[in-house]
């Protein structure tokens, strides 16, 4: 498959599955033997769908924006912006706080389908923006 086809597959996964909740895109563009390497996420295709559903429930307005995408051979790298508002409950009850953070992803493709993913979202910034980190005064006692 061409790098353009791999990039298109990646765009479809982001736009359809993550941004719209259309999980058919996962079946169309992700290999059934997919392996997730990102810490804290489930390692399978079914797990990926569950993780996306969790995000979309916790942050009903969750959205990923692809800022940059580069492909070489069987790999696609992306820099994205993730954003959402805690209206469904994340690490506790909904608090109405919003986040906007950078995400860096690397995906490997085989025969036009994603077979592996490594990701690095700025989780610390996300937790800080959602007011879910301990406050300095609470730590100092």
C-alpha atoms as a PDB file:
ATOM      1  CA  UNK A   1       0.000   0.000   0.000  1.00  0.00           C
ATOM      2  CA  UNK A   2       1.136   3.541  -0.639  1.00  0.00           C
ATOM      3  CA  UNK A   3       1.991   6.089   2.026  1.00  0.00           C
ATOM      4  CA  UNK A   4      -0.994   8.113   0.802  1.00  0.00           C
ATOM      5  CA  UNK A   5      -3.326   5.162   1.431  1.00  0.00           C
ATOM      6  CA  UNK A   6      -1.886   4.719   4.928  1.00  0.00           C
ATOM      7  CA  UNK A   7      -2.355   8.418   5.663  1.00  0.00           C
ATOM      8  CA  UNK A   8      -5.944   8.258   4.396  1.00  0.00           C
ATOM      9  CA  UNK A   9      -6.626   5.247   6.618  1.00  0.00           C
ATOM     10  CA  UNK A  10      -5.240   7.152   9.598  1.00  0.00           C
ATOM     11  CA  UNK A  11      -7.385  10.200   8.804  1.00  0.00           C
ATOM     12  CA  UNK A  12     -10.475   7.972   8.615  1.00  0.00           C
ATOM     13  CA  UNK A  13      -9.757   6.394  12.009  1.00  0.00           C
ATOM     14  CA  UNK A  14      -9.340   9.836  13.592  1.00  0.00           C
ATOM     15  CA  UNK A  15     -12.269  11.563  11.887  1.00  0.00           C
ATOM     16  CA  UNK A  16     -14.769   8.714  11.925  1.00  0.00           C
ATOM     17  CA  UNK A  17     -14.001   6.671  15.052  1.00  0.00           C
ATOM     18  CA  UNK A  18     -12.558   9.267  17.436  1.00  0.00           C
ATOM     19  CA  UNK A  19     -14.401  12.405  16.317  1.00  0.00           C
ATOM     20  CA  UNK A  20     -17.761  10.955  15.239  1.00  0.00           C
ATOM     21  CA  UNK A  21     -18.051   7.644  17.099  1.00  0.00           C
ATOM     22  CA  UNK A  22     -18.402   5.680  13.853  1.00  0.00           C
ATOM     23  CA  UNK A  23     -16.658   2.462  14.906  1.00  0.00           C
ATOM     24  CA  UNK A  24     -17.124   0.833  11.490  1.00  0.00           C
ATOM     25  CA  UNK A  25     -14.002   2.768  10.501  1.00  0.00           C
ATOM     26  CA  UNK A  26     -12.020   0.678  12.983  1.00  0.00           C
ATOM     27  CA  UNK A  27     -13.050  -2.526  11.227  1.00  0.00           C
ATOM     28  CA  UNK A  28     -12.268  -0.943   7.849  1.00  0.00           C
ATOM     29  CA  UNK A  29      -8.824   0.484   8.692  1.00  0.00           C
ATOM     30  CA  UNK A  30      -7.455  -1.469  11.679  1.00  0.00           C
ATOM     31  CA  UNK A  31      -6.150  -5.039  11.436  1.00  0.00           C
ATOM     32  CA  UNK A  32      -8.011  -7.552  13.676  1.00  0.00           C
ATOM     33  CA  UNK A  33      -4.604  -8.488  15.179  1.00  0.00           C
ATOM     34  CA  UNK A  34      -3.841  -4.841  16.025  1.00  0.00           C
ATOM     35  CA  UNK A  35      -1.460  -4.217  18.953  1.00  0.00           C
ATOM     36  CA  UNK A  36      -1.673  -1.083  21.130  1.00  0.00           C
ATOM     37  CA  UNK A  37       1.577  -0.029  22.818  1.00  0.00           C
ATOM     38  CA  UNK A  38       0.426   3.198  24.517  1.00  0.00           C
ATOM     39  CA  UNK A  39       0.555   2.977  28.302  1.00  0.00           C
ATOM     40  CA  UNK A  40      -2.829   2.576  29.943  1.00  0.00           C
ATOM     41  CA  UNK A  41      -4.750   1.579  26.827  1.00  0.00           C
ATOM     42  CA  UNK A  42      -6.149  -1.835  26.027  1.00  0.00           C
ATOM     43  CA  UNK A  43      -3.881  -3.768  23.626  1.00  0.00           C
ATOM     44  CA  UNK A  44      -6.469  -5.020  21.095  1.00  0.00           C
ATOM     45  CA  UNK A  45      -8.825  -3.732  18.396  1.00  0.00           C
ATOM     46  CA  UNK A  46     -11.812  -4.349  20.682  1.00  0.00           C
ATOM     47  CA  UNK A  47      -9.931  -2.529  23.424  1.00  0.00           C
ATOM     48  CA  UNK A  48      -9.313   0.412  21.106  1.00  0.00           C
ATOM     49  CA  UNK A  49     -13.041   0.750  20.510  1.00  0.00           C
ATOM     50  CA  UNK A  50     -13.700   0.540  24.256  1.00  0.00           C
ATOM     51  CA  UNK A  51     -11.070   3.215  24.960  1.00  0.00           C
ATOM     52  CA  UNK A  52     -12.585   5.533  22.344  1.00  0.00           C
ATOM     53  CA  UNK A  53     -16.080   4.956  23.753  1.00  0.00           C
ATOM     54  CA  UNK A  54     -14.777   5.808  27.234  1.00  0.00           C
ATOM     55  CA  UNK A  55     -13.232   9.070  25.950  1.00  0.00           C
ATOM     56  CA  UNK A  56     -16.401  10.028  24.097  1.00  0.00           C
ATOM     57  CA  UNK A  57     -18.538   9.330  27.194  1.00  0.00           C
ATOM     58  CA  UNK A  58     -16.275  11.257  29.584  1.00  0.00           C
ATOM     59  CA  UNK A  59     -15.797  14.095  27.077  1.00  0.00           C
ATOM     60  CA  UNK A  60     -18.886  14.198  24.815  1.00  0.00           C
ATOM     61  CA  UNK A  61     -17.293  16.972  22.738  1.00  0.00           C
ATOM     62  CA  UNK A  62     -13.962  15.107  22.412  1.00  0.00           C
ATOM     63  CA  UNK A  63     -12.162  16.041  19.229  1.00  0.00           C
ATOM     64  CA  UNK A  64      -8.788  15.318  17.660  1.00  0.00           C
ATOM     65  CA  UNK A  65      -7.364  17.748  15.120  1.00  0.00           C
ATOM     66  CA  UNK A  66      -4.546  16.511  12.910  1.00  0.00           C
ATOM     67  CA  UNK A  67      -1.945  19.278  12.834  1.00  0.00           C
ATOM     68  CA  UNK A  68       0.855  17.435  10.990  1.00  0.00           C
ATOM     69  CA  UNK A  69       1.138  14.027   9.351  1.00  0.00           C
ATOM     70  CA  UNK A  70       4.199  12.397   7.816  1.00  0.00           C
ATOM     71  CA  UNK A  71       4.441   8.957   6.248  1.00  0.00           C
ATOM     72  CA  UNK A  72       7.447   6.865   5.319  1.00  0.00           C
ATOM     73  CA  UNK A  73       7.138   3.278   4.178  1.00  0.00           C
ATOM     74  CA  UNK A  74       4.746   1.447   6.481  1.00  0.00           C
ATOM     75  CA  UNK A  75       4.724   4.139   9.200  1.00  0.00           C
ATOM     76  CA  UNK A  76       2.628   7.263   9.762  1.00  0.00           C
ATOM     77  CA  UNK A  77       3.556   9.921  12.353  1.00  0.00           C
ATOM     78  CA  UNK A  78       1.087  12.540  13.538  1.00  0.00           C
ATOM     79  CA  UNK A  79       1.007  15.597  15.738  1.00  0.00           C
ATOM     80  CA  UNK A  80      -2.516  16.321  16.870  1.00  0.00           C
ATOM     81  CA  UNK A  81      -4.444  18.502  19.276  1.00  0.00           C
ATOM     82  CA  UNK A  82      -6.915  16.715  21.560  1.00  0.00           C
ATOM     83  CA  UNK A  83      -9.623  18.640  23.342  1.00  0.00           C
ATOM     84  CA  UNK A  84     -12.774  18.034  25.291  1.00  0.00           C
ATOM     85  CA  UNK A  85     -14.877  18.980  28.306  1.00  0.00           C
ATOM     86  CA  UNK A  86     -15.374  16.737  31.343  1.00  0.00           C
ATOM     87  CA  UNK A  87     -19.159  16.397  31.186  1.00  0.00           C
ATOM     88  CA  UNK A  88     -19.442  12.620  31.530  1.00  0.00           C
ATOM     89  CA  UNK A  89     -17.102  12.011  34.449  1.00  0.00           C
ATOM     90  CA  UNK A  90     -13.361  11.411  34.283  1.00  0.00           C
ATOM     91  CA  UNK A  91     -11.460  10.326  37.391  1.00  0.00           C
ATOM     92  CA  UNK A  92     -14.507  11.362  39.394  1.00  0.00           C
ATOM     93  CA  UNK A  93     -17.745  13.182  38.709  1.00  0.00           C
ATOM     94  CA  UNK A  94     -18.089  15.610  35.803  1.00  0.00           C
ATOM     95  CA  UNK A  95     -16.580  18.982  36.661  1.00  0.00           C
ATOM     96  CA  UNK A  96     -17.183  20.940  33.439  1.00  0.00           C
ATOM     97  CA  UNK A  97     -13.466  21.653  32.997  1.00  0.00           C
ATOM     98  CA  UNK A  98     -12.006  21.597  29.494  1.00  0.00           C
ATOM     99  CA  UNK A  99      -8.608  20.530  28.193  1.00  0.00           C
ATOM    100  CA  UNK A 100      -6.577  21.092  25.043  1.00  0.00           C
ATOM    101  CA  UNK A 101      -3.298  19.172  24.710  1.00  0.00           C
ATOM    102  CA  UNK A 102      -0.756  17.928  22.199  1.00  0.00           C
ATOM    103  CA  UNK A 103      -0.715  14.277  21.110  1.00  0.00           C
ATOM    104  CA  UNK A 104       2.048  12.542  19.161  1.00  0.00           C
ATOM    105  CA  UNK A 105       1.304   9.200  17.487  1.00  0.00           C
ATOM    106  CA  UNK A 106       3.190   6.631  15.448  1.00  0.00           C
ATOM    107  CA  UNK A 107       1.271   3.925  13.597  1.00  0.00           C
ATOM    108  CA  UNK A 108       2.515   0.988  11.546  1.00  0.00           C
ATOM    109  CA  UNK A 109       0.448  -0.293   8.636  1.00  0.00           C
ATOM    110  CA  UNK A 110       0.306  -3.565   6.744  1.00  0.00           C
ATOM    111  CA  UNK A 111      -1.827  -4.056   3.636  1.00  0.00           C
ATOM    112  CA  UNK A 112      -3.571  -0.713   4.223  1.00  0.00           C
ATOM    113  CA  UNK A 113      -4.595  -1.441   7.820  1.00  0.00           C
ATOM    114  CA  UNK A 114      -3.122  -0.235  11.090  1.00  0.00           C
ATOM    115  CA  UNK A 115      -1.316  -3.054  12.904  1.00  0.00           C
ATOM    116  CA  UNK A 116       0.476  -1.161  15.698  1.00  0.00           C
ATOM    117  CA  UNK A 117       0.136   2.152  17.551  1.00  0.00           C
ATOM    118  CA  UNK A 118       2.378   4.079  19.924  1.00  0.00           C
ATOM    119  CA  UNK A 119       1.054   7.319  21.388  1.00  0.00           C
ATOM    120  CA  UNK A 120       2.174  10.086  23.677  1.00  0.00           C
ATOM    121  CA  UNK A 121      -0.581  12.473  24.782  1.00  0.00           C
ATOM    122  CA  UNK A 122       0.382  15.232  27.220  1.00  0.00           C
ATOM    123  CA  UNK A 123      -1.497  13.597  30.084  1.00  0.00           C
ATOM    124  CA  UNK A 124       0.038  15.820  32.757  1.00  0.00           C
ATOM    125  CA  UNK A 125      -1.223  18.966  31.018  1.00  0.00           C
ATOM    126  CA  UNK A 126      -4.611  17.322  30.545  1.00  0.00           C
ATOM    127  CA  UNK A 127      -4.940  16.473  34.247  1.00  0.00           C
ATOM    128  CA  UNK A 128      -3.778  19.969  35.237  1.00  0.00           C
ATOM    129  CA  UNK A 129      -6.317  21.634  32.939  1.00  0.00           C
ATOM    130  CA  UNK A 130      -9.079  19.361  34.254  1.00  0.00           C
ATOM    131  CA  UNK A 131      -8.099  20.360  37.820  1.00  0.00           C
ATOM    132  CA  UNK A 132      -7.421  16.720  38.690  1.00  0.00           C
ATOM    133  CA  UNK A 133      -3.904  17.092  40.110  1.00  0.00           C
ATOM    134  CA  UNK A 134      -3.185  17.639  43.804  1.00  0.00           C
ATOM    135  CA  UNK A 135      -2.874  21.295  44.647  1.00  0.00           C
ATOM    136  CA  UNK A 136       0.405  22.625  46.007  1.00  0.00           C
ATOM    137  CA  UNK A 137      -1.212  23.676  49.285  1.00  0.00           C
ATOM    138  CA  UNK A 138      -2.624  20.149  49.765  1.00  0.00           C
ATOM    139  CA  UNK A 139       0.830  18.647  49.266  1.00  0.00           C
ATOM    140  CA  UNK A 140       2.603  21.119  51.559  1.00  0.00           C
ATOM    141  CA  UNK A 141       0.079  20.395  54.282  1.00  0.00           C
END
